[in-house]
C-alpha cells in the first residue's frame, strides 16, 4: 500500500515536469536558466521518491523473508515430531505382533503337552489295573507260602514264586518311572501356563493404548441383577413399624419391593437407606454411581455423614454404615458395569472399624467374576483430601486420585474417583478416573458402580 501511494505521488510530479518542459519550449520569452533549474528540481523530487520506494520495498522483503524463515522452522519441527511418532508407532506394532506370535506358539505347545499328559494318564491307569491284578496273584501266593510253612515247597513252586516277585518289582519300577514322567509333564505345563499369563499381561498392557477398549472381555453368567436406581423421582419412602435394624430384616418381615426405607440399627438413631431386593434377600446400598451427576470429591465430614440423593447417586455415610455393620458379621458386594454394558461383581467378608480408627476396613474375598483389586487381610484407613493418612512417602492419595477412599499405597482402584467418559483423552483425567485396576491386570473403565452389604446370616435379624 505504501508503494502505491509513493507511485501516485511521483506520477503527477513527473507529468507536471513534462508539461512545464513543453511550455518552456513553446514560450520564447522564458529564460533558459529558469527552465534548467526547474528540470533539476523535478529530477531531485523523482529521485527522492524512487529512493523512498526502494527503502519500502527493502523493508517489505526483509519482513517477508523473516516470516518465511519462521514458517520453515515450524515445518521442520513438525516433520521431525511426525517422524519420531511414526517410528514409535512402528515399534509398538512390531512388539505387539511378536507377542501375539509367541502366545500362539505357546498355546499350541500347551495343547500338545495336554494331549501327551492325557495319554500318560491312560497308560498309568492301565498299569495300575495290572498292578492290582498282580497284587491279587501275590496274595494268592502268600496263602500258598503260608501253607508251605508247614509243607516243604517243591523246587518248581519256589522258582514260580521268585519269578512272580521279580515281575512285580519290575512293574513297580516301571510305574514309578511313568509317575516321574507325568510329574515332569505337569511341571512343564505349569511353566507354560505362567509364560502364557505373562504374555497376556503384556498384550493387555499394549491394548491399553486406547482407553475406550477398557471393557470386560466376556460376559459371565451370574444371577439376574436388578437395574441401578437412577433418576427415579417417583420413588417411595417406606416406614417400617418396629424399627428394623437393616434392609435384610425388612425383607424377612415380608417386604419385597426395592426402595427407600427407614431403619434404626441397635444403639443408633433412625435414618433412611436404599434397600435393593434380590437373590432372595435385601441389600443395604451404601454407594451408587450411574452418570457422574454428583461430585464425589468431598470433605471428610461429608463422607462421614453421607451425601447425594438416595434416588440417584449417593454415598450413605461412614457413620451410618458402621452403625449397621457393628450389629454382626456382614458381606460387602461390589457391582461394576463398563461402557459396553458388561457387568461384573465381587464379594468380600469384611469388617469396618470405629470412627476412632478412621473406619479401618479389612477384606477377605469370597466370590466374584472379576480379579480382585483391593488388598486383603490389610487394615485400610479411609482418607480424603482434608484428612489424609500420608500412606506412602507423603504421597497424598486423595489429592492425586480425587474422592475419599480406603487407600493402600495409593493404588489405582478408587470407586469414589472422578467420573470419566471414554471420550476423555487427558492422561490426568484417566489417572483420576473411575476404574477397577487389579494389581496384575488391565484397567476396567467403569460406567456405573454399586456397593451393598447384608449379614452373613440372612436370618440373624428375624
Protein backbone atom coordinates (compact mmCIF):
# COMPACT_ATOMS: atom_id res chain seq x y z
CA UNK A 1 0.00 0.00 0.00
CA UNK A 2 2.87 2.32 0.85
CA UNK A 3 4.47 1.66 -2.53
CA UNK A 4 1.29 2.57 -4.40
CA UNK A 5 0.95 5.86 -2.53
CA UNK A 6 4.55 6.84 -3.37
CA UNK A 7 3.94 5.95 -7.01
CA UNK A 8 0.78 8.08 -7.11
CA UNK A 9 2.77 10.92 -5.61
CA UNK A 10 5.60 10.66 -8.13
CA UNK A 11 3.48 10.36 -11.31
CA UNK A 12 1.83 13.81 -11.03
CA UNK A 13 5.24 15.34 -10.39
CA UNK A 14 6.67 13.70 -13.49
CA UNK A 15 3.66 14.79 -15.56
CA UNK A 16 3.96 18.31 -14.27
CA UNK A 17 7.64 18.35 -15.10
CA UNK A 18 6.92 17.20 -18.66
CA UNK A 19 4.22 19.83 -19.11
CA UNK A 20 6.48 22.59 -17.89
CA UNK A 21 9.14 21.40 -20.29
CA UNK A 22 6.72 21.61 -23.23
CA UNK A 23 5.50 25.00 -22.15
CA UNK A 24 9.01 26.37 -21.81
CA UNK A 25 9.90 25.18 -25.31
CA UNK A 26 6.88 26.95 -26.80
CA UNK A 27 7.45 30.18 -24.91
CA UNK A 28 10.34 32.09 -26.26
CA UNK A 29 10.07 34.64 -23.52
CA UNK A 30 11.04 32.18 -20.66
CA UNK A 31 14.70 32.36 -19.69
CA UNK A 32 16.81 29.26 -20.39
CA UNK A 33 18.37 29.19 -16.92
CA UNK A 34 15.00 29.08 -15.19
CA UNK A 35 13.84 26.07 -17.25
CA UNK A 36 17.03 24.25 -16.50
CA UNK A 37 16.70 24.75 -12.74
CA UNK A 38 13.08 23.56 -12.85
CA UNK A 39 14.09 20.31 -14.53
CA UNK A 40 16.76 19.66 -11.88
CA UNK A 41 14.20 20.12 -9.09
CA UNK A 42 11.85 17.66 -10.76
CA UNK A 43 14.65 15.16 -11.11
CA UNK A 44 15.53 15.50 -7.42
CA UNK A 45 11.91 15.00 -6.38
CA UNK A 46 11.64 11.95 -8.65
CA UNK A 47 14.90 10.52 -7.29
CA UNK A 48 13.80 11.08 -3.70
CA UNK A 49 10.51 9.31 -4.38
CA UNK A 50 12.27 6.39 -6.00
CA UNK A 51 14.67 6.17 -3.04
CA UNK A 52 11.79 6.02 -0.57
CA UNK A 53 10.10 3.43 -2.75
CA UNK A 54 13.31 1.35 -2.70
CA UNK A 55 13.56 1.54 1.09
CA UNK A 56 9.94 0.50 1.44
CA UNK A 57 10.43 -2.48 -0.87
CA UNK A 58 13.60 -3.46 1.01
CA UNK A 59 11.81 -3.43 4.38
CA UNK A 60 8.95 -5.42 2.93
CA UNK A 61 11.34 -8.05 1.53
CA UNK A 62 13.20 -8.40 4.87
CA UNK A 63 9.95 -8.75 6.78
CA UNK A 64 8.60 -11.33 4.36
CA UNK A 65 11.88 -13.27 4.48
CA UNK A 66 11.77 -13.39 8.28
CA UNK A 67 8.19 -14.69 8.25
CA UNK A 68 9.13 -17.37 5.70
CA UNK A 69 12.08 -18.47 7.88
CA UNK A 70 9.76 -18.84 10.90
CA UNK A 71 7.34 -20.91 8.84
CA UNK A 72 10.15 -23.17 7.55
CA UNK A 73 11.44 -23.70 11.13
CA UNK A 74 7.97 -24.68 12.36
CA UNK A 75 7.56 -27.05 9.40
CA UNK A 76 10.92 -28.69 10.19
CA UNK A 77 9.92 -29.18 13.85
CA UNK A 78 6.57 -30.68 12.78
CA UNK A 79 8.25 -33.03 10.28
CA UNK A 80 10.71 -34.20 12.93
CA UNK A 81 7.94 -34.84 15.53
CA UNK A 82 5.81 -36.69 12.98
CA UNK A 83 8.78 -38.87 12.01
CA UNK A 84 9.52 -39.75 15.67
CA UNK A 85 5.86 -40.62 16.30
CA UNK A 86 5.87 -42.84 13.21
CA UNK A 87 8.93 -44.71 14.50
CA UNK A 88 7.38 -45.24 17.93
CA UNK A 89 4.13 -46.49 16.38
CA UNK A 90 6.02 -48.94 14.18
CA UNK A 91 7.98 -50.28 17.17
CA UNK A 92 4.79 -50.79 19.20
CA UNK A 93 3.13 -52.64 16.32
CA UNK A 94 6.17 -54.89 15.81
CA UNK A 95 6.37 -55.73 19.53
CA UNK A 96 2.64 -56.49 19.64
CA UNK A 97 2.89 -58.80 16.62
CA UNK A 98 5.86 -60.64 18.13
CA UNK A 99 3.99 -61.14 21.40
CA UNK A 100 0.93 -62.45 19.58
CA UNK A 101 3.03 -64.91 17.60
CA UNK A 102 4.81 -66.12 20.73
CA UNK A 103 1.48 -66.55 22.54
CA UNK A 104 0.10 -68.57 19.63
CA UNK A 105 3.14 -70.87 19.67
CA UNK A 106 2.91 -71.37 23.42
CA UNK A 107 -0.77 -72.19 23.18
CA UNK A 108 -0.04 -74.82 20.52
CA UNK A 109 2.69 -76.31 22.73
CA UNK A 110 0.31 -76.26 25.68
CA UNK A 111 -2.28 -78.25 23.72
CA UNK A 112 0.33 -80.81 22.68
CA UNK A 113 1.51 -81.22 26.27
CA UNK A 114 -2.09 -81.63 27.47
CA UNK A 115 -2.67 -84.39 24.89
CA UNK A 116 0.54 -86.11 25.92
CA UNK A 117 -0.45 -85.85 29.56
CA UNK A 118 -3.80 -87.48 28.81
CA UNK A 119 -2.06 -90.36 27.06
CA UNK A 120 0.28 -90.79 30.02
CA UNK A 121 -2.66 -90.80 32.42
CA UNK A 122 -4.33 -93.54 30.35
CA UNK A 123 -1.18 -95.65 30.46
CA UNK A 124 -0.87 -95.15 34.19
CA UNK A 125 -4.45 -96.27 34.71
CA UNK A 126 -3.71 -99.39 32.62
CA UNK A 127 -0.60 -100.13 34.68
CA UNK A 128 -2.46 -99.60 37.93
CA UNK A 129 -5.04 -102.17 36.85
CA UNK A 130 -2.22 -104.60 36.06
CA UNK A 131 -0.68 -103.88 39.43
CA UNK A 132 -3.97 -104.67 41.14
CA UNK A 133 -4.16 -108.00 39.29
CA UNK A 134 -0.58 -108.81 40.22
CA UNK A 135 -1.26 -107.94 43.84
CA UNK A 136 -4.15 -110.38 43.82
CA UNK A 137 -1.81 -113.07 42.46
CA UNK A 138 0.76 -112.19 45.12
CA UNK A 139 -1.89 -112.52 47.80
CA UNK A 140 -2.71 -115.97 46.41
CA UNK A 141 0.96 -116.83 46.53
CA UNK A 142 1.18 -115.60 50.10
CA UNK A 143 -1.54 -118.06 51.01
CA UNK A 144 0.47 -120.80 49.34
CA UNK A 145 3.60 -119.67 51.20
CA UNK A 146 1.68 -119.86 54.46
CA UNK A 147 0.72 -123.39 53.65
CA UNK A 148 4.29 -124.17 52.63
CA UNK A 149 5.40 -123.11 56.06
CA UNK A 150 4.09 -126.50 57.08
CA UNK A 151 4.62 -128.38 53.85
CA UNK A 152 8.04 -128.09 52.22
CA UNK A 153 7.56 -126.45 48.74
CA UNK A 154 8.88 -128.12 45.68
CA UNK A 155 11.68 -126.63 43.59
CA UNK A 156 9.17 -125.73 40.84
CA UNK A 157 6.92 -123.79 43.22
CA UNK A 158 9.93 -121.92 44.64
CA UNK A 159 11.03 -120.86 41.17
CA UNK A 160 7.48 -119.74 40.35
CA UNK A 161 7.36 -117.53 43.45
CA UNK A 162 10.74 -115.95 42.69
CA UNK A 163 9.70 -115.28 39.10
CA UNK A 164 6.47 -113.60 40.17
CA UNK A 165 8.25 -111.43 42.73
CA UNK A 166 10.76 -110.29 40.13
CA UNK A 167 7.93 -109.46 37.72
CA UNK A 168 6.09 -107.45 40.36
CA UNK A 169 9.22 -105.48 41.21
CA UNK A 170 9.81 -104.75 37.53
CA UNK A 171 6.23 -103.48 37.15
CA UNK A 172 6.59 -101.28 40.25
CA UNK A 173 9.75 -99.70 38.85
CA UNK A 174 8.01 -99.10 35.53
CA UNK A 175 5.11 -97.38 37.27
CA UNK A 176 7.47 -95.18 39.30
CA UNK A 177 9.21 -94.07 36.11
CA UNK A 178 5.90 -93.21 34.48
CA UNK A 179 4.82 -91.26 37.55
CA UNK A 180 8.04 -89.25 37.42
CA UNK A 181 7.47 -88.52 33.72
CA UNK A 182 3.95 -87.34 34.50
CA UNK A 183 5.24 -85.06 37.29
CA UNK A 184 7.76 -83.56 34.88
CA UNK A 185 4.99 -83.01 32.33
CA UNK A 186 2.84 -81.26 34.93
CA UNK A 187 5.74 -79.03 35.94
CA UNK A 188 6.30 -78.13 32.29
CA UNK A 189 2.60 -77.39 31.90
CA UNK A 190 2.76 -75.03 34.89
CA UNK A 191 5.74 -73.21 33.37
CA UNK A 192 3.94 -72.90 30.03
CA UNK A 193 0.85 -71.59 31.78
CA UNK A 194 2.86 -68.94 33.65
CA UNK A 195 4.52 -67.82 30.42
CA UNK A 196 1.15 -67.52 28.72
CA UNK A 197 -0.19 -65.45 31.64
CA UNK A 198 2.82 -63.09 31.45
CA UNK A 199 2.36 -62.67 27.70
CA UNK A 200 -1.33 -62.00 28.15
CA UNK A 201 -0.48 -59.29 30.69
CA UNK A 202 1.90 -57.69 28.17
CA UNK A 203 -0.76 -57.83 25.47
CA UNK A 204 -3.29 -56.30 27.82
CA UNK A 205 -0.81 -53.52 28.58
CA UNK A 206 -0.39 -52.77 24.85
CA UNK A 207 -4.15 -52.77 24.33
CA UNK A 208 -4.43 -50.01 26.94
CA UNK A 209 -3.10 -47.52 24.35
CA UNK A 210 -6.78 -46.71 23.68
CA UNK A 211 -8.85 -46.24 26.84
CA UNK A 212 -12.16 -46.99 25.13
CA UNK A 213 -11.11 -50.65 24.82
CA UNK A 214 -11.09 -51.00 28.60
CA UNK A 215 -14.17 -53.17 28.98
CA UNK A 216 -14.86 -56.59 30.43
CA UNK A 217 -13.83 -59.22 27.85
CA UNK A 218 -16.52 -61.91 28.12
CA UNK A 219 -19.84 -61.68 29.89
CA UNK A 220 -20.10 -64.33 32.60
CA UNK A 221 -23.27 -65.81 33.97
CA UNK A 222 -24.47 -64.53 37.32
CA UNK A 223 -27.88 -64.18 38.99
CA UNK A 224 -30.18 -61.58 37.46
CA UNK A 225 -29.24 -58.12 38.71
CA UNK A 226 -31.94 -55.53 39.34
CA UNK A 227 -31.01 -52.32 37.46
CA UNK A 228 -29.33 -49.49 39.35
CA UNK A 229 -31.83 -46.95 40.76
CA UNK A 230 -31.23 -43.83 38.67
CA UNK A 231 -33.21 -40.55 38.42
CA UNK A 232 -36.34 -42.15 39.87
CA UNK A 233 -38.23 -39.09 41.02
CA UNK A 234 -41.28 -41.20 41.90
CA UNK A 235 -39.51 -43.48 44.41
CA UNK A 236 -41.49 -44.05 47.59
CA UNK A 237 -40.08 -43.80 51.11
CA UNK A 238 -41.42 -46.64 53.27
CA UNK A 239 -41.80 -46.63 57.03
CA UNK A 240 -41.27 -49.88 58.95
CA UNK A 241 -43.20 -50.39 62.14
CA UNK A 242 -40.93 -51.63 64.87
CA UNK A 243 -37.55 -50.03 63.89
CA UNK A 244 -35.89 -52.61 61.58
CA UNK A 245 -32.10 -52.80 62.11
CA UNK A 246 -31.32 -53.13 58.37
CA UNK A 247 -32.79 -53.98 54.93
CA UNK A 248 -32.49 -57.74 55.48
CA UNK A 249 -34.81 -57.54 58.49
CA UNK A 250 -37.33 -55.68 56.32
CA UNK A 251 -37.18 -58.45 53.71
CA UNK A 252 -37.65 -61.14 56.34
CA UNK A 253 -40.73 -59.27 57.58
CA UNK A 254 -42.38 -59.69 54.17
CA UNK A 255 -41.36 -56.55 52.23
CA UNK A 256 -40.31 -57.40 48.64
CA UNK A 257 -40.08 -54.02 46.85
CA UNK A 258 -36.82 -52.12 46.34
CA UNK A 259 -36.91 -48.53 47.54
CA UNK A 260 -36.11 -46.08 50.32
CA UNK A 261 -36.85 -47.31 53.86
CA UNK A 262 -36.23 -46.01 57.36
CA UNK A 263 -34.10 -48.29 59.58
CA UNK A 264 -32.79 -48.00 63.13
CA UNK A 265 -29.69 -50.09 63.91
CA UNK A 266 -29.15 -51.09 67.53
CA UNK A 267 -27.82 -48.17 69.55
CA UNK A 268 -28.25 -45.67 66.71
CA UNK A 269 -30.74 -43.05 65.57
CA UNK A 270 -33.13 -43.85 62.69
CA UNK A 271 -32.13 -42.86 59.13
CA UNK A 272 -33.17 -43.57 55.54
CA UNK A 273 -31.42 -46.11 53.28
CA UNK A 274 -31.99 -47.58 49.83
CA UNK A 275 -32.87 -51.31 50.07
CA UNK A 276 -32.40 -53.46 46.96
CA UNK A 277 -34.34 -56.71 46.93
CA UNK A 278 -32.65 -59.58 45.04
CA UNK A 279 -31.03 -63.01 45.43
CA UNK A 280 -33.75 -63.99 47.94
CA UNK A 281 -32.84 -61.23 50.38
CA UNK A 282 -32.43 -57.45 50.66
CA UNK A 283 -29.18 -55.50 50.47
CA UNK A 284 -28.42 -52.13 52.04
CA UNK A 285 -26.84 -49.90 49.36
CA UNK A 286 -24.01 -47.72 50.72
CA UNK A 287 -22.75 -46.27 47.39
CA UNK A 288 -24.32 -45.78 43.96
CA UNK A 289 -22.84 -44.10 40.85
CA UNK A 290 -24.60 -44.12 37.47
CA UNK A 291 -23.90 -41.00 35.39
CA UNK A 292 -21.40 -38.66 37.07
CA UNK A 293 -24.09 -36.13 38.09
CA UNK A 294 -22.69 -35.98 41.65
CA UNK A 295 -19.18 -34.79 42.56
CA UNK A 296 -17.57 -37.36 44.88
CA UNK A 297 -14.54 -35.16 45.67
CA UNK A 298 -15.92 -34.26 49.11
CA UNK A 299 -14.51 -33.48 52.56
CA UNK A 300 -14.03 -35.89 55.47
CA UNK A 301 -17.09 -34.54 57.31
CA UNK A 302 -19.28 -35.06 54.22
CA UNK A 303 -18.06 -38.63 53.70
CA UNK A 304 -18.66 -39.38 57.36
CA UNK A 305 -22.29 -38.18 57.35
CA UNK A 306 -23.20 -39.02 53.72
CA UNK A 307 -24.21 -37.01 50.65
CA UNK A 308 -26.28 -37.24 47.48
CA UNK A 309 -29.84 -38.38 46.66
CA UNK A 310 -30.89 -41.94 47.55
CA UNK A 311 -32.95 -42.00 44.32
CA UNK A 312 -29.89 -41.22 42.19
CA UNK A 313 -26.15 -41.03 43.06
CA UNK A 314 -25.18 -41.07 46.72
CA UNK A 315 -22.78 -42.08 49.49
CA UNK A 316 -24.66 -43.36 52.56
CA UNK A 317 -22.08 -42.22 55.10
CA UNK A 318 -19.32 -43.92 57.10
CA UNK A 319 -21.01 -43.46 60.48
CA UNK A 320 -24.30 -44.97 59.21
CA UNK A 321 -22.51 -47.90 57.61
CA UNK A 322 -20.59 -48.52 60.85
CA UNK A 323 -23.84 -48.39 62.85
CA UNK A 324 -25.24 -51.19 60.65
CA UNK A 325 -22.16 -53.43 60.50
CA UNK A 326 -21.35 -53.35 64.22
CA UNK A 327 -24.54 -55.42 64.77
CA UNK A 328 -22.89 -58.58 63.37
CA UNK A 329 -20.91 -60.11 60.51
CA UNK A 330 -21.62 -58.66 57.06
CA UNK A 331 -20.79 -59.32 53.40
CA UNK A 332 -19.63 -56.49 51.13
CA UNK A 333 -20.74 -56.79 47.47
CA UNK A 334 -19.35 -54.52 44.71
CA UNK A 335 -21.17 -54.44 41.35
CA UNK A 336 -19.38 -52.91 38.33
CA UNK A 337 -20.57 -52.05 34.81
CA UNK A 338 -18.31 -50.93 31.93
CA UNK A 339 -19.12 -48.72 28.94
CA UNK A 340 -20.09 -51.74 26.82
CA UNK A 341 -22.86 -52.62 29.30
CA UNK A 342 -20.97 -55.68 30.64
CA UNK A 343 -21.49 -56.34 34.36
CA UNK A 344 -19.19 -57.89 36.95
CA UNK A 345 -19.27 -58.34 40.72
CA UNK A 346 -17.06 -59.33 43.65
CA UNK A 347 -17.97 -60.16 47.26
CA UNK A 348 -15.89 -59.90 50.45
CA UNK A 349 -16.22 -60.85 54.05
CA UNK A 350 -15.31 -57.57 55.76
CA UNK A 351 -15.11 -55.62 58.97
CA UNK A 352 -15.39 -51.85 59.44
CA UNK A 353 -13.64 -50.11 62.31
CA UNK A 354 -15.00 -47.34 64.51
CA UNK A 355 -14.52 -43.57 63.93
CA UNK A 356 -11.52 -43.71 66.31
CA UNK A 357 -9.71 -45.94 63.77
CA UNK A 358 -10.72 -43.76 60.78
CA UNK A 359 -13.18 -46.50 59.78
CA UNK A 360 -10.46 -49.09 59.12
CA UNK A 361 -11.54 -51.67 56.51
CA UNK A 362 -10.39 -55.32 56.34
CA UNK A 363 -11.36 -57.54 53.40
CA UNK A 364 -11.32 -61.25 52.54
CA UNK A 365 -12.54 -62.23 49.07
CA UNK A 366 -15.40 -64.77 48.96
CA UNK A 367 -16.52 -64.93 45.33
CA UNK A 368 -16.85 -62.94 42.11
CA UNK A 369 -16.22 -62.92 38.36
CA UNK A 370 -13.54 -60.23 38.17
CA UNK A 371 -9.94 -60.23 39.53
CA UNK A 372 -9.52 -58.71 42.96
CA UNK A 373 -8.15 -55.16 43.03
CA UNK A 374 -8.26 -54.41 46.77
CA UNK A 375 -5.68 -55.60 49.34
CA UNK A 376 -6.85 -58.49 51.54
CA UNK A 377 -6.12 -59.05 55.22
CA UNK A 378 -4.81 -55.48 55.45
CA UNK A 379 -6.05 -52.60 57.60
CA UNK A 380 -7.07 -49.86 55.16
CA UNK A 381 -7.78 -46.44 56.64
CA UNK A 382 -10.30 -44.15 54.98
CA UNK A 383 -8.88 -40.79 53.88
CA UNK A 384 -9.90 -37.64 52.00
CA UNK A 385 -8.09 -34.57 50.71
CA UNK A 386 -8.56 -32.80 54.07
CA UNK A 387 -7.98 -35.93 56.20
CA UNK A 388 -5.08 -37.83 54.61
CA UNK A 389 -3.15 -40.54 56.43
CA UNK A 390 0.12 -39.96 54.48
CA UNK A 391 0.24 -43.60 53.48
CA UNK A 392 3.19 -43.88 51.13
CA UNK A 393 6.14 -41.49 51.32
CA UNK A 394 3.99 -38.40 51.95
CA UNK A 395 2.15 -39.00 48.67
CA UNK A 396 -1.34 -37.58 49.08
CA UNK A 397 -3.62 -40.22 47.53
CA UNK A 398 -6.95 -38.35 47.72
CA UNK A 399 -5.33 -35.22 46.26
CA UNK A 400 -3.97 -37.15 43.30
CA UNK A 401 -6.88 -39.54 42.75
CA UNK A 402 -9.79 -37.37 43.98
CA UNK A 403 -12.58 -38.65 46.22
CA UNK A 404 -12.42 -40.31 49.63
CA UNK A 405 -11.44 -44.00 49.71
CA UNK A 406 -9.66 -46.76 51.65
CA UNK A 407 -6.29 -46.13 50.01
CA UNK A 408 -3.36 -48.56 50.21
CA UNK A 409 -0.03 -47.32 48.84
CA UNK A 410 -2.08 -45.13 46.51
CA UNK A 411 -3.27 -47.99 44.31
CA UNK A 412 -5.16 -47.08 41.16
CA UNK A 413 -8.54 -48.56 42.12
CA UNK A 414 -10.83 -45.92 43.63
CA UNK A 415 -14.59 -46.25 43.16
CA UNK A 416 -15.14 -42.73 44.51
CA UNK A 417 -12.80 -41.13 41.94
CA UNK A 418 -13.63 -38.68 39.18
CA UNK A 419 -16.32 -39.79 36.71
CA UNK A 420 -14.58 -40.06 33.31
CA UNK A 421 -16.24 -40.89 29.98
CA UNK A 422 -14.44 -42.81 27.19
CA UNK A 423 -14.17 -39.58 25.20
CA UNK A 424 -11.83 -38.12 27.79
CA UNK A 425 -8.32 -38.22 26.30
CA UNK A 426 -6.36 -36.47 29.01
CA UNK A 427 -3.83 -38.65 30.84
CA UNK A 428 -4.51 -36.62 34.00
CA UNK A 429 -8.26 -37.36 33.85
CA UNK A 430 -7.68 -41.06 33.23
CA UNK A 431 -5.31 -41.21 36.21
CA UNK A 432 -8.04 -39.80 38.47
CA UNK A 433 -10.91 -41.68 36.85
CA UNK A 434 -13.44 -44.26 37.96
CA UNK A 435 -11.99 -47.67 37.14
CA UNK A 436 -11.11 -51.11 38.54
CA UNK A 437 -7.40 -51.99 38.38
CA UNK A 438 -6.17 -55.40 39.66
CA UNK A 439 -2.54 -55.43 40.76
CA UNK A 440 -1.56 -57.64 37.82
CA UNK A 441 -4.13 -56.95 35.14
CA UNK A 442 -5.79 -54.48 32.86
CA UNK A 443 -7.72 -51.30 33.59
CA UNK A 444 -11.52 -51.51 33.53
CA UNK A 445 -13.01 -48.06 32.86
CA UNK A 446 -16.40 -48.02 34.60
CA UNK A 447 -19.75 -46.51 33.74
CA UNK A 448 -21.53 -47.36 36.99
CA UNK A 449 -20.74 -48.84 40.40
CA UNK A 450 -22.75 -50.00 43.38
CA UNK A 451 -21.58 -51.09 46.87
CA UNK A 452 -24.00 -53.05 49.08
CA UNK A 453 -23.94 -55.00 52.36
CA UNK A 454 -26.03 -57.67 54.08
CA UNK A 455 -25.47 -60.03 57.05
CA UNK A 456 -23.64 -63.30 56.52
CA UNK A 457 -26.56 -64.94 58.37
CA UNK A 458 -29.61 -63.84 56.39
CA UNK A 459 -31.95 -64.70 59.27
CA UNK A 460 -29.97 -63.05 62.04
CA UNK A 461 -32.49 -60.17 62.34
CA UNK A 462 -35.77 -62.07 62.05
